[in-house]
N, C-alpha and C. Protein backbone atom coordinates (compact mmCIF):
# COMPACT_ATOMS: atom_id res chain seq x y z
N MET A 1 0.78 -0.65 0.53
CA MET A 1 -0.23 -0.35 0.03
C MET A 1 1.11 1.64 -0.18
N HIS A 2 0.14 2.17 -0.65
CA HIS A 2 1.23 3.30 -0.94
C HIS A 2 0.49 4.44 0.42
N THR A 3 1.49 5.64 0.91
CA THR A 3 0.94 5.96 1.68
C THR A 3 1.58 7.23 1.74
N ILE A 4 0.52 8.28 1.56
CA ILE A 4 0.53 9.70 1.07
C ILE A 4 0.19 10.56 2.14
N ILE A 5 1.18 10.90 3.22
CA ILE A 5 1.18 12.25 4.13
C ILE A 5 0.70 13.63 3.97
N ILE A 6 -0.18 14.27 3.86
CA ILE A 6 -0.36 15.80 4.05
C ILE A 6 -0.28 16.90 5.16
N ALA A 7 1.24 17.30 5.52
CA ALA A 7 1.38 17.37 6.95
C ALA A 7 2.20 18.95 6.41
N ASN A 8 1.46 20.20 8.03
CA ASN A 8 2.13 21.47 7.92
C ASN A 8 1.35 21.70 9.33
N PRO A 9 2.71 21.84 10.18
CA PRO A 9 2.32 22.55 11.58
C PRO A 9 1.36 23.86 11.55
N LYS A 10 0.82 24.37 10.59
CA LYS A 10 0.21 25.69 10.55
C LYS A 10 -1.23 25.18 10.35
N GLY A 11 -2.44 25.78 11.17
CA GLY A 11 -3.75 25.28 10.63
C GLY A 11 -4.01 26.17 9.45
N GLY A 12 -5.26 25.67 8.03
CA GLY A 12 -5.08 26.76 7.22
C GLY A 12 -4.43 27.16 6.16
N SER A 13 -3.49 25.95 6.34
CA SER A 13 -2.45 25.80 4.69
C SER A 13 -2.70 25.10 3.55
N GLY A 14 -4.03 24.45 3.84
CA GLY A 14 -4.53 23.99 2.79
C GLY A 14 -4.61 22.00 2.98
N LYS A 15 -4.24 21.48 4.15
CA LYS A 15 -4.02 20.33 4.24
C LYS A 15 -5.31 19.18 3.20
N THR A 16 -5.91 19.84 3.74
CA THR A 16 -7.37 19.22 4.04
C THR A 16 -7.59 19.03 1.75
N THR A 17 -7.52 20.51 1.37
CA THR A 17 -7.76 20.39 -0.11
C THR A 17 -7.01 19.27 -0.52
N LEU A 18 -5.84 19.76 -0.13
CA LEU A 18 -4.47 18.58 -0.97
C LEU A 18 -5.00 17.73 -0.50
N ALA A 19 -5.31 16.92 -0.02
CA ALA A 19 -5.58 15.26 0.87
C ALA A 19 -7.15 14.66 0.11
N THR A 20 -7.79 15.73 -0.03
CA THR A 20 -9.20 15.20 -0.71
C THR A 20 -9.48 15.46 -1.98
N ASN A 21 -8.57 16.14 -2.94
CA ASN A 21 -8.21 15.75 -4.10
C ASN A 21 -7.60 15.00 -4.68
N ILE A 22 -6.32 14.55 -3.83
CA ILE A 22 -5.37 14.03 -4.52
C ILE A 22 -6.14 12.55 -4.07
N ALA A 23 -6.88 11.81 -3.06
CA ALA A 23 -7.86 10.95 -2.83
C ALA A 23 -8.78 10.77 -3.95
N GLY A 24 -8.89 12.20 -4.71
CA GLY A 24 -10.38 11.80 -5.75
C GLY A 24 -9.68 11.64 -7.14
N TRP A 25 -8.37 12.08 -7.00
CA TRP A 25 -7.90 11.37 -8.29
C TRP A 25 -6.86 10.21 -8.24
N LEU A 26 -7.02 9.89 -7.23
CA LEU A 26 -6.45 8.13 -7.42
C LEU A 26 -8.12 7.71 -7.25
N ALA A 27 -8.79 7.81 -6.97
CA ALA A 27 -10.17 6.97 -6.93
C ALA A 27 -10.82 7.10 -8.19
N GLY A 28 -10.65 8.34 -8.98
CA GLY A 28 -11.27 8.44 -10.23
C GLY A 28 -9.84 7.52 -11.36
N LYS A 29 -8.82 7.03 -10.78
CA LYS A 29 -8.04 5.94 -11.64
C LYS A 29 -8.15 4.25 -10.98
N ARG A 30 -9.73 4.43 -10.38
CA ARG A 30 -10.17 2.88 -10.48
C ARG A 30 -8.90 2.51 -9.21
N GLN A 31 -8.27 3.37 -8.50
CA GLN A 31 -7.58 2.68 -7.35
C GLN A 31 -8.61 3.04 -5.98
N ARG A 32 -8.18 1.50 -4.91
CA ARG A 32 -9.23 1.58 -3.74
C ARG A 32 -7.95 2.40 -2.21
N VAL A 33 -9.00 3.44 -2.39
CA VAL A 33 -8.34 4.55 -1.61
C VAL A 33 -8.86 4.65 -0.35
N VAL A 34 -7.75 4.89 0.65
CA VAL A 34 -9.03 4.88 1.97
C VAL A 34 -8.04 6.73 2.49
N LEU A 35 -8.77 7.24 2.92
CA LEU A 35 -9.08 8.98 3.21
C LEU A 35 -8.45 8.45 4.99
N ALA A 36 -7.75 8.65 5.06
CA ALA A 36 -7.29 8.63 6.97
C ALA A 36 -7.79 10.40 7.38
N ASP A 37 -8.19 10.39 8.11
CA ASP A 37 -8.88 11.80 8.44
C ASP A 37 -8.40 12.35 10.08
N PHE A 38 -6.57 12.12 10.51
CA PHE A 38 -6.31 12.67 11.84
C PHE A 38 -6.96 13.69 12.59
N ASP A 39 -7.01 14.34 11.81
CA ASP A 39 -7.53 15.90 12.25
C ASP A 39 -8.56 15.73 13.18
N ALA A 40 -8.23 16.56 14.36
CA ALA A 40 -10.24 16.76 15.33
C ALA A 40 -10.95 17.36 14.77
N GLN A 41 -10.94 18.03 13.73
CA GLN A 41 -11.75 19.24 13.25
C GLN A 41 -12.58 18.33 12.37
N ARG A 42 -11.83 16.87 11.72
CA ARG A 42 -12.86 16.23 10.45
C ARG A 42 -13.26 16.64 9.87
N SER A 43 -12.56 17.96 9.01
CA SER A 43 -12.64 18.16 7.82
C SER A 43 -12.62 17.47 6.14
N SER A 44 -12.20 16.21 6.28
CA SER A 44 -11.60 15.40 5.02
C SER A 44 -13.21 14.50 5.53
N SER A 45 -13.41 14.24 6.94
CA SER A 45 -14.33 13.22 7.12
C SER A 45 -15.74 13.67 6.86
N ARG A 46 -15.90 15.01 6.47
CA ARG A 46 -17.23 15.61 6.59
C ARG A 46 -17.34 15.53 4.96
N TRP A 47 -16.01 16.46 4.34
CA TRP A 47 -16.03 16.18 2.82
C TRP A 47 -16.62 14.74 1.63
N LEU A 48 -15.98 13.68 2.83
CA LEU A 48 -16.34 12.34 2.19
C LEU A 48 -18.18 12.13 2.99
N LEU A 49 -19.11 12.41 3.65
CA LEU A 49 -20.06 12.41 3.92
C LEU A 49 -21.19 13.19 3.08
N ARG A 50 -20.49 14.63 2.53
CA ARG A 50 -21.07 15.32 1.29
C ARG A 50 -20.77 14.81 -0.19
N ARG A 51 -19.91 13.65 -0.67
CA ARG A 51 -19.82 13.04 -1.66
C ARG A 51 -21.06 12.41 -2.04
N SER A 52 -21.38 12.88 -3.00
CA SER A 52 -22.19 11.47 -3.90
C SER A 52 -21.86 10.24 -3.74
N GLU A 53 -22.72 9.07 -4.03
CA GLU A 53 -22.95 7.69 -4.33
C GLU A 53 -22.08 7.33 -5.35
N HIS A 54 -22.39 8.22 -6.44
CA HIS A 54 -22.16 8.10 -7.62
C HIS A 54 -20.83 7.91 -8.39
N LEU A 55 -20.11 8.60 -7.32
CA LEU A 55 -18.96 8.82 -7.89
C LEU A 55 -17.83 8.24 -7.04
N PRO A 56 -16.62 7.86 -7.78
CA PRO A 56 -15.53 7.10 -7.69
C PRO A 56 -15.54 6.75 -6.14
N LYS A 57 -15.38 5.43 -5.68
CA LYS A 57 -15.62 5.55 -4.06
C LYS A 57 -14.23 5.70 -3.73
N ILE A 58 -14.44 6.54 -2.30
CA ILE A 58 -13.07 6.84 -1.42
C ILE A 58 -13.41 6.16 -0.52
N LEU A 59 -12.79 5.67 0.57
CA LEU A 59 -13.27 4.82 2.35
C LEU A 59 -12.49 6.15 2.81
N GLY A 60 -13.26 6.31 3.86
CA GLY A 60 -12.86 6.91 5.14
C GLY A 60 -12.90 6.45 5.98
N TRP A 61 -11.75 6.93 6.90
CA TRP A 61 -11.26 6.16 8.39
C TRP A 61 -10.55 7.42 9.64
N THR A 62 -10.63 6.89 10.50
CA THR A 62 -10.20 7.75 11.69
C THR A 62 -9.74 7.21 12.39
N PRO A 63 -9.02 7.99 13.10
CA PRO A 63 -8.14 7.25 14.24
C PRO A 63 -8.68 6.09 15.43
N ASP A 64 -10.02 6.86 15.57
CA ASP A 64 -10.93 5.83 16.28
C ASP A 64 -11.50 4.76 16.12
N GLN A 65 -11.43 4.64 15.03
CA GLN A 65 -12.20 3.01 14.33
C GLN A 65 -10.95 2.24 14.49
N ASN A 66 -11.84 1.01 14.18
CA ASN A 66 -11.02 -0.16 14.62
C ASN A 66 -9.99 -0.43 12.65
N LYS A 67 -9.06 -0.61 13.05
CA LYS A 67 -8.15 -0.80 11.79
C LYS A 67 -8.23 -1.61 10.88
N ARG A 68 -9.12 -2.94 11.56
CA ARG A 68 -9.42 -3.65 10.30
C ARG A 68 -10.78 -3.27 9.26
N VAL A 69 -11.29 -2.43 9.94
CA VAL A 69 -12.29 -1.66 8.90
C VAL A 69 -11.57 -1.19 7.63
N MET A 70 -10.67 -0.59 7.44
CA MET A 70 -9.27 -0.17 6.93
C MET A 70 -8.79 -1.27 6.32
N LEU A 71 -8.15 -2.17 6.88
CA LEU A 71 -7.14 -2.85 6.55
C LEU A 71 -8.23 -4.45 5.15
N ASP A 72 -9.69 -4.16 5.64
CA ASP A 72 -10.61 -5.24 5.31
C ASP A 72 -10.69 -4.84 3.82
N ALA A 73 -10.60 -3.69 3.46
CA ALA A 73 -11.11 -2.98 1.85
C ALA A 73 -9.57 -3.23 1.55
N GLU A 74 -8.48 -3.52 1.50
CA GLU A 74 -7.44 -4.28 0.97
C GLU A 74 -6.98 -2.92 -0.10
N PRO A 75 -6.22 -1.76 0.56
CA PRO A 75 -6.54 -0.41 -0.27
C PRO A 75 -5.11 -0.34 -1.23
N GLN A 76 -5.24 0.45 -1.80
CA GLN A 76 -4.14 0.24 -2.83
C GLN A 76 -3.21 1.45 -2.21
N TRP A 77 -3.73 1.92 -1.90
CA TRP A 77 -3.64 3.99 -1.63
C TRP A 77 -4.21 4.15 -0.30
N MET A 78 -3.29 5.12 1.18
CA MET A 78 -3.68 5.90 1.95
C MET A 78 -3.41 7.20 1.58
N VAL A 79 -4.25 7.69 2.11
CA VAL A 79 -4.21 9.44 1.83
C VAL A 79 -3.97 10.08 3.14
N ILE A 80 -3.42 10.63 3.70
CA ILE A 80 -3.50 10.89 5.54
C ILE A 80 -3.35 12.23 5.45
N ASP A 81 -4.91 13.15 6.31
CA ASP A 81 -4.78 14.58 6.55
C ASP A 81 -4.26 14.96 7.97
N LEU A 82 -3.44 15.47 8.07
CA LEU A 82 -2.73 15.50 9.45
C LEU A 82 -3.22 16.53 10.07
N PRO A 83 -3.55 16.76 11.44
CA PRO A 83 -3.48 18.08 12.15
C PRO A 83 -2.47 18.75 12.04
N ALA A 84 -2.94 20.01 12.00
CA ALA A 84 -1.80 21.49 12.84
C ALA A 84 -1.16 21.10 14.13
N GLY A 85 -0.09 21.37 14.00
CA GLY A 85 0.59 21.61 15.65
C GLY A 85 1.20 20.09 15.50
N ILE A 86 1.26 19.29 14.72
CA ILE A 86 1.96 17.85 14.94
C ILE A 86 3.37 17.93 15.45
N HIS A 87 3.63 17.33 16.35
CA HIS A 87 5.02 17.21 16.66
C HIS A 87 5.64 16.46 17.72
N GLY A 88 6.91 16.07 18.08
CA GLY A 88 7.38 15.12 18.69
C GLY A 88 7.10 14.00 17.90
N GLU A 89 6.77 13.22 19.12
CA GLU A 89 6.79 11.65 19.07
C GLU A 89 5.80 10.98 17.93
N THR A 90 4.42 11.93 17.85
CA THR A 90 3.04 11.97 17.45
C THR A 90 3.64 12.48 16.01
N LEU A 91 4.73 13.01 15.67
CA LEU A 91 4.90 13.62 14.29
C LEU A 91 5.97 12.54 13.79
N ARG A 92 6.96 11.79 14.73
CA ARG A 92 8.00 10.84 14.12
C ARG A 92 7.10 9.19 14.08
N ASP A 93 5.78 9.39 14.41
CA ASP A 93 5.41 8.21 13.82
C ASP A 93 4.36 8.20 13.01
N ALA A 94 4.09 9.45 12.53
CA ALA A 94 3.17 9.69 11.53
C ALA A 94 3.74 9.60 9.79
N VAL A 95 5.38 10.04 9.84
CA VAL A 95 6.66 9.80 9.29
C VAL A 95 7.17 8.23 8.64
N ARG A 96 6.91 7.82 9.93
CA ARG A 96 7.18 6.17 9.57
C ARG A 96 6.16 5.48 9.16
N ARG A 97 4.92 6.17 8.88
CA ARG A 97 4.06 5.54 8.00
C ARG A 97 4.22 5.92 6.66
N ALA A 98 5.38 6.83 6.19
CA ALA A 98 4.87 7.64 4.63
C ALA A 98 5.80 7.13 3.64
N GLU A 99 5.49 7.25 2.69
CA GLU A 99 6.29 6.74 1.45
C GLU A 99 6.22 8.30 0.87
N ILE A 100 5.66 9.34 0.96
CA ILE A 100 5.52 10.58 -0.21
C ILE A 100 4.97 11.31 1.88
N ILE A 101 5.33 12.33 1.89
CA ILE A 101 5.19 13.62 2.43
C ILE A 101 5.04 14.85 1.60
N LEU A 102 3.63 15.28 1.79
CA LEU A 102 3.45 16.56 0.67
C LEU A 102 3.24 17.79 1.81
N VAL A 103 3.89 19.10 1.83
CA VAL A 103 4.19 19.74 2.67
C VAL A 103 2.86 20.81 1.97
N PRO A 104 2.08 21.19 2.34
CA PRO A 104 1.40 22.61 1.46
C PRO A 104 1.59 23.83 1.96
N VAL A 105 2.19 24.95 1.54
CA VAL A 105 2.39 26.23 1.74
C VAL A 105 1.36 27.12 1.43
N SER A 106 1.38 28.19 2.40
CA SER A 106 -0.09 29.48 1.27
C SER A 106 1.27 30.54 1.89
N PRO A 107 0.84 31.53 0.42
CA PRO A 107 2.05 32.83 0.50
C PRO A 107 1.71 33.50 1.65
N SER A 108 1.77 32.96 3.28
CA SER A 108 1.77 34.55 3.81
C SER A 108 3.33 34.37 4.85
N ALA A 109 3.72 35.19 5.48
CA ALA A 109 5.04 35.27 6.42
C ALA A 109 4.95 34.15 7.47
N PHE A 110 3.53 34.27 7.90
CA PHE A 110 3.26 33.33 8.78
C PHE A 110 3.29 31.84 8.62
N ASP A 111 2.92 31.44 7.11
CA ASP A 111 2.81 30.24 6.85
C ASP A 111 4.14 29.84 6.48
N MET A 112 4.97 30.90 5.91
CA MET A 112 6.34 30.92 6.04
C MET A 112 7.39 30.19 6.87
N ASP A 113 7.16 30.81 7.91
CA ASP A 113 7.88 30.71 9.63
C ASP A 113 7.26 29.51 9.84
N ALA A 114 6.23 29.43 10.08
CA ALA A 114 5.95 27.99 10.63
C ALA A 114 6.49 26.65 9.35
N THR A 115 6.58 26.52 8.22
CA THR A 115 7.18 25.98 7.52
C THR A 115 8.59 25.43 7.85
N ARG A 116 9.35 27.11 7.79
CA ARG A 116 11.01 27.20 8.14
C ARG A 116 10.82 25.98 9.32
N THR A 117 10.62 26.06 10.35
CA THR A 117 10.79 25.44 11.52
C THR A 117 10.39 23.63 11.24
N PHE A 118 9.45 23.49 10.66
CA PHE A 118 8.88 22.39 10.13
C PHE A 118 9.82 21.27 9.23
N LEU A 119 10.00 21.99 8.18
CA LEU A 119 11.42 21.67 7.20
C LEU A 119 12.42 21.13 8.13
N ALA A 120 12.71 21.88 8.90
CA ALA A 120 14.42 21.71 9.44
C ALA A 120 14.32 20.88 10.19
N LYS A 121 13.05 20.61 10.78
CA LYS A 121 12.81 19.24 12.11
C LYS A 121 12.71 17.94 10.66
N LEU A 122 11.67 17.67 10.22
CA LEU A 122 11.51 16.85 8.70
C LEU A 122 13.21 15.83 8.95
N ALA A 123 13.84 17.06 8.20
CA ALA A 123 15.14 16.96 7.69
C ALA A 123 16.32 16.26 8.72
N GLU A 124 15.39 16.12 10.22
CA GLU A 124 16.58 15.48 11.21
C GLU A 124 16.62 13.75 10.82
N TYR A 125 15.50 13.36 10.25
CA TYR A 125 14.53 12.28 10.32
C TYR A 125 15.92 11.31 9.57
N LYS A 126 15.97 10.23 9.60
CA LYS A 126 16.70 9.48 9.43
C LYS A 126 16.21 9.00 7.66
N ALA A 127 14.96 8.28 7.75
CA ALA A 127 14.48 7.40 6.38
C ALA A 127 14.38 8.93 5.69
N ILE A 128 14.18 10.13 6.04
CA ILE A 128 14.49 11.02 4.82
C ILE A 128 15.79 11.28 4.40
N LYS A 129 16.73 11.69 5.35
CA LYS A 129 18.03 12.12 4.62
C LYS A 129 18.41 10.79 4.50
N GLU A 130 18.24 9.71 4.03
CA GLU A 130 18.34 8.35 3.38
C GLU A 130 17.86 8.46 1.80
N GLY A 131 16.99 9.49 2.13
CA GLY A 131 15.73 9.46 0.76
C GLY A 131 14.73 8.33 0.51
N SER A 132 14.51 7.38 1.41
CA SER A 132 13.40 6.64 1.41
C SER A 132 12.25 7.17 0.94
N ILE A 133 11.96 8.30 1.83
CA ILE A 133 11.00 8.87 2.61
C ILE A 133 10.70 10.04 1.16
N HIS A 134 10.01 10.53 0.64
CA HIS A 134 9.83 11.22 -0.33
C HIS A 134 9.37 12.55 -0.03
N ILE A 135 9.98 14.20 0.03
CA ILE A 135 8.84 15.80 0.18
C ILE A 135 8.69 15.88 -0.97
N GLY A 136 7.86 16.20 -1.34
CA GLY A 136 7.71 17.41 -2.03
C GLY A 136 6.48 18.69 -1.60
N LEU A 137 7.24 20.19 -2.07
CA LEU A 137 6.68 21.45 -1.45
C LEU A 137 5.32 21.43 -2.17
N VAL A 138 4.24 22.19 -1.96
CA VAL A 138 3.20 22.61 -2.79
C VAL A 138 2.49 23.85 -2.52
N GLY A 139 2.51 24.84 -2.96
CA GLY A 139 2.17 26.32 -2.94
C GLY A 139 0.83 26.20 -3.36
N MET A 140 0.00 26.78 -1.68
CA MET A 140 -1.55 26.72 -2.12
C MET A 140 -1.99 28.24 -1.84
N ARG A 141 -3.51 28.25 -2.91
CA ARG A 141 -4.12 29.60 -2.84
C ARG A 141 -3.19 30.63 -3.11
N VAL A 142 -1.98 30.10 -4.46
CA VAL A 142 -1.29 31.22 -5.28
C VAL A 142 -1.65 32.23 -6.42
N ASP A 143 -1.73 33.16 -6.14
CA ASP A 143 -1.92 34.30 -7.18
C ASP A 143 -0.73 34.59 -7.71
N SER A 144 -0.20 34.12 -9.01
CA SER A 144 0.72 33.99 -9.57
C SER A 144 1.52 35.74 -9.90
N ARG A 145 0.11 36.39 -10.23
CA ARG A 145 0.32 37.70 -10.53
C ARG A 145 1.02 38.65 -9.34
N THR A 146 0.80 38.24 -8.31
CA THR A 146 1.57 38.79 -6.95
C THR A 146 2.84 38.63 -6.64
N ARG A 147 3.15 40.22 -5.80
CA ARG A 147 4.78 39.42 -5.12
C ARG A 147 4.66 38.65 -4.12
N SER A 148 3.77 38.37 -3.55
CA SER A 148 3.46 37.38 -2.88
C SER A 148 3.90 35.88 -3.25
N ALA A 149 3.22 35.78 -4.24
CA ALA A 149 3.23 34.47 -4.76
C ALA A 149 4.98 34.29 -5.29
N ILE A 150 5.71 35.28 -5.22
CA ILE A 150 7.32 35.38 -5.97
C ILE A 150 7.63 35.19 -4.50
N GLU A 151 7.70 35.69 -3.85
CA GLU A 151 8.61 35.33 -2.53
C GLU A 151 7.87 34.29 -2.18
N LEU A 152 6.90 33.32 -2.01
CA LEU A 152 6.65 32.28 -1.61
C LEU A 152 7.85 31.21 -2.55
N GLU A 153 7.48 31.50 -3.85
CA GLU A 153 8.33 30.20 -4.81
C GLU A 153 9.87 30.32 -4.52
N GLU A 154 10.73 31.67 -4.06
CA GLU A 154 11.54 31.99 -3.80
C GLU A 154 11.84 31.23 -2.51
N PHE A 155 11.09 31.26 -1.33
CA PHE A 155 11.39 31.06 -0.21
C PHE A 155 10.99 29.00 -0.26
N LEU A 156 10.25 28.16 -1.13
CA LEU A 156 10.57 27.16 -1.17
C LEU A 156 11.49 26.38 -2.04
N LYS A 157 12.23 27.57 -2.98
CA LYS A 157 13.52 26.89 -3.77
C LYS A 157 14.32 27.09 -3.01
N GLN A 158 14.23 27.26 -1.59
CA GLN A 158 16.40 27.33 -1.22
C GLN A 158 16.42 26.00 -0.11
N TYR A 159 15.44 25.19 -0.42
CA TYR A 159 15.28 23.80 0.40
C TYR A 159 15.73 23.13 -0.58
N ASP A 160 16.39 21.66 -0.22
CA ASP A 160 16.60 20.25 -0.90
C ASP A 160 15.56 19.70 -1.38
N PHE A 161 14.17 19.95 -1.10
CA PHE A 161 13.38 19.08 -1.27
C PHE A 161 12.35 19.76 -2.38
N PRO A 162 11.86 19.15 -3.46
CA PRO A 162 11.55 19.59 -4.59
C PRO A 162 10.06 20.33 -4.33
N PHE A 163 10.25 21.51 -4.79
CA PHE A 163 9.43 22.15 -5.36
C PHE A 163 8.31 22.15 -6.26
N VAL A 164 6.84 21.37 -6.17
CA VAL A 164 6.67 20.42 -6.71
C VAL A 164 5.91 21.68 -7.76
N THR A 165 4.67 22.55 -7.55
CA THR A 165 4.07 23.04 -8.06
C THR A 165 3.25 24.34 -7.35
N ASN A 166 2.37 24.87 -7.77
CA ASN A 166 1.41 26.08 -6.99
C ASN A 166 0.32 25.14 -7.59
N LEU A 167 -0.81 25.63 -6.71
CA LEU A 167 -2.15 25.31 -7.20
C LEU A 167 -3.03 26.83 -6.61
N ARG A 168 -3.73 27.56 -7.35
CA ARG A 168 -4.16 28.84 -7.81
C ARG A 168 -5.15 28.82 -6.75
N ASP A 169 -5.20 29.87 -6.52
CA ASP A 169 -6.78 30.79 -5.91
C ASP A 169 -7.69 30.79 -5.90
N THR A 170 -8.91 29.70 -6.19
CA THR A 170 -10.00 29.90 -7.04
C THR A 170 -11.06 29.31 -5.96
N GLN A 171 -12.30 29.89 -6.50
CA GLN A 171 -13.32 28.96 -6.46
C GLN A 171 -13.97 27.86 -6.48
N GLY A 172 -13.28 27.06 -7.28
CA GLY A 172 -13.31 25.75 -7.66
C GLY A 172 -12.89 24.92 -6.35
N TYR A 173 -11.65 25.53 -5.65
CA TYR A 173 -11.95 24.15 -4.33
C TYR A 173 -12.87 24.63 -3.25
N VAL A 174 -13.33 25.79 -3.00
CA VAL A 174 -14.60 26.22 -2.46
C VAL A 174 -15.94 25.22 -2.85
N HIS A 175 -16.55 24.97 -4.40
CA HIS A 175 -16.99 24.73 -4.65
C HIS A 175 -17.20 23.04 -4.49
N ALA A 176 -15.74 22.52 -4.33
CA ALA A 176 -15.75 21.37 -4.80
C ALA A 176 -15.48 20.75 -3.27
N ALA A 177 -15.12 21.41 -2.57
CA ALA A 177 -15.03 21.23 -0.40
C ALA A 177 -16.68 21.16 -0.08
N ARG A 178 -17.50 22.01 -0.74
CA ARG A 178 -18.88 22.31 -0.44
C ARG A 178 -19.64 20.96 -0.56
N ASP A 179 -19.70 20.27 -2.39
CA ASP A 179 -19.70 19.65 -2.72
C ASP A 179 -19.39 18.46 -2.80
N GLY A 180 -18.24 17.89 -2.02
CA GLY A 180 -17.59 16.54 -1.97
C GLY A 180 -17.19 16.13 -3.30
N LEU A 181 -16.53 16.72 -3.88
CA LEU A 181 -16.11 16.99 -4.86
C LEU A 181 -14.08 17.08 -5.14
N SER A 182 -13.86 16.06 -6.01
CA SER A 182 -12.81 16.68 -6.30
C SER A 182 -12.19 17.65 -7.61
N VAL A 183 -11.29 18.06 -7.62
CA VAL A 183 -11.19 19.03 -9.04
C VAL A 183 -11.45 18.00 -10.89
N PHE A 184 -11.05 16.40 -10.02
CA PHE A 184 -11.27 15.57 -11.14
C PHE A 184 -12.75 15.40 -11.72
N ASP A 185 -13.57 15.38 -10.01
CA ASP A 185 -14.86 15.19 -10.69
C ASP A 185 -15.97 16.10 -11.48
N MET A 186 -14.94 17.40 -11.57
CA MET A 186 -16.12 18.44 -12.00
C MET A 186 -15.65 18.67 -13.76
N PRO A 187 -16.78 19.26 -14.54
CA PRO A 187 -16.34 19.02 -15.78
C PRO A 187 -14.61 20.15 -16.19
N ARG A 188 -14.11 19.12 -16.65
CA ARG A 188 -12.48 19.77 -17.35
C ARG A 188 -12.89 21.59 -18.01
N SER A 189 -13.76 21.62 -18.69
CA SER A 189 -14.21 22.79 -19.24
C SER A 189 -14.09 23.60 -17.84
N ARG A 190 -14.64 23.72 -16.76
CA ARG A 190 -14.79 24.28 -15.17
C ARG A 190 -13.07 24.12 -14.93
N VAL A 191 -13.09 23.59 -14.83
CA VAL A 191 -11.52 23.42 -13.86
C VAL A 191 -9.80 23.07 -15.24
N GLU A 192 -9.96 23.42 -16.02
CA GLU A 192 -9.16 23.05 -17.48
C GLU A 192 -7.59 23.45 -16.20
N GLN A 193 -7.82 24.77 -15.79
CA GLN A 193 -6.11 25.36 -15.62
C GLN A 193 -5.59 24.54 -14.12
N ASP A 194 -6.69 24.60 -13.43
CA ASP A 194 -6.06 23.89 -12.57
C ASP A 194 -6.36 22.31 -12.36
N TRP A 195 -6.41 21.75 -13.71
CA TRP A 195 -6.11 19.87 -13.94
C TRP A 195 -4.48 20.40 -14.72
N GLU A 196 -4.27 21.47 -15.38
CA GLU A 196 -2.99 21.81 -15.54
C GLU A 196 -1.63 21.54 -14.63
N GLN A 197 -2.33 22.43 -13.98
CA GLN A 197 -1.47 22.23 -12.37
C GLN A 197 -0.95 21.09 -11.72
N TRP A 198 -2.64 20.19 -11.35
CA TRP A 198 -2.35 19.11 -11.05
C TRP A 198 -1.53 17.97 -11.79
N ARG A 199 -1.77 18.21 -13.28
CA ARG A 199 -1.22 17.39 -13.61
C ARG A 199 0.92 17.11 -13.44
N THR A 200 0.71 18.31 -13.11
CA THR A 200 2.11 18.23 -12.32
C THR A 200 2.59 17.18 -11.36
N LEU A 201 1.67 17.81 -10.22
CA LEU A 201 1.78 16.81 -9.27
C LEU A 201 1.32 15.17 -9.29
N THR A 202 0.72 15.22 -9.77
CA THR A 202 0.26 13.67 -9.57
C THR A 202 1.11 13.16 -10.54
N ARG A 203 2.11 13.87 -11.80
CA ARG A 203 3.13 13.15 -12.52
C ARG A 203 3.90 12.61 -11.38
N TRP A 204 4.53 13.72 -10.52
CA TRP A 204 5.56 13.84 -9.38
C TRP A 204 5.26 12.59 -8.84
N ILE A 205 4.00 12.58 -8.11
CA ILE A 205 3.91 11.41 -7.34
C ILE A 205 3.69 10.18 -7.80
N ALA A 206 3.04 9.52 -9.38
CA ALA A 206 3.32 9.17 -9.91
C ALA A 206 4.99 8.24 -9.79
N ARG A 207 5.85 9.30 -10.34
CA ARG A 207 7.21 9.11 -10.49
C ARG A 207 7.90 8.79 -9.46
N GLN A 208 7.55 8.73 -7.95
CA GLN A 208 7.91 9.03 -6.58
C GLN A 208 7.58 7.38 -6.68
N THR A 209 6.40 6.73 -6.53
CA THR A 209 5.72 5.82 -6.19
C THR A 209 6.31 4.63 -7.05
N ALA A 210 6.81 4.79 -8.30
CA ALA A 210 7.31 3.82 -9.12
C ALA A 210 8.75 3.15 -8.61
N LYS A 211 9.54 4.07 -8.03
CA LYS A 211 10.52 3.47 -7.34
C LYS A 211 10.80 2.45 -7.06
């Protein structure tokens, strides 16, 4: 089973948006997907409750459920939406589960400050130093026309971890969250630009899990 963890200690960084859309992409490829919601706010779980039964199936799971519920589904992928503020042994345990860690970062000074400390902590882990866990940085809610977008890109490119792509600031994600959709469930004519941005990320994920 491939495991993708979405993590950033800063609340509101876009973790759930990233997690739900990755799960939607994988489900649309006819993969058996578990979306594991470790956040006490249960945003990913509520998104699944709003999801139509006619859409590609995604199994939800939370840590208070029996793990057998998840394992019996024989998932090919697990996407884990981690809570804000994760640190210490809780973070270490989460990292041990991962094949890929995606770190979403919004273009604000507060987000970049929190991410700077978080990436420094991740870099200390042996599995990450050895390259057995792949880390990707993703800019969230980015308007490429703004100075803050340039500052975010400069910030992310200073790290050894790859800066994978930016995802734009658009009402499409708001509507998708409201309706239990991913951008991959929406008509391409409505989200063409978003599909183009996601193609960079999905290809990167595919390359890491093919190794």
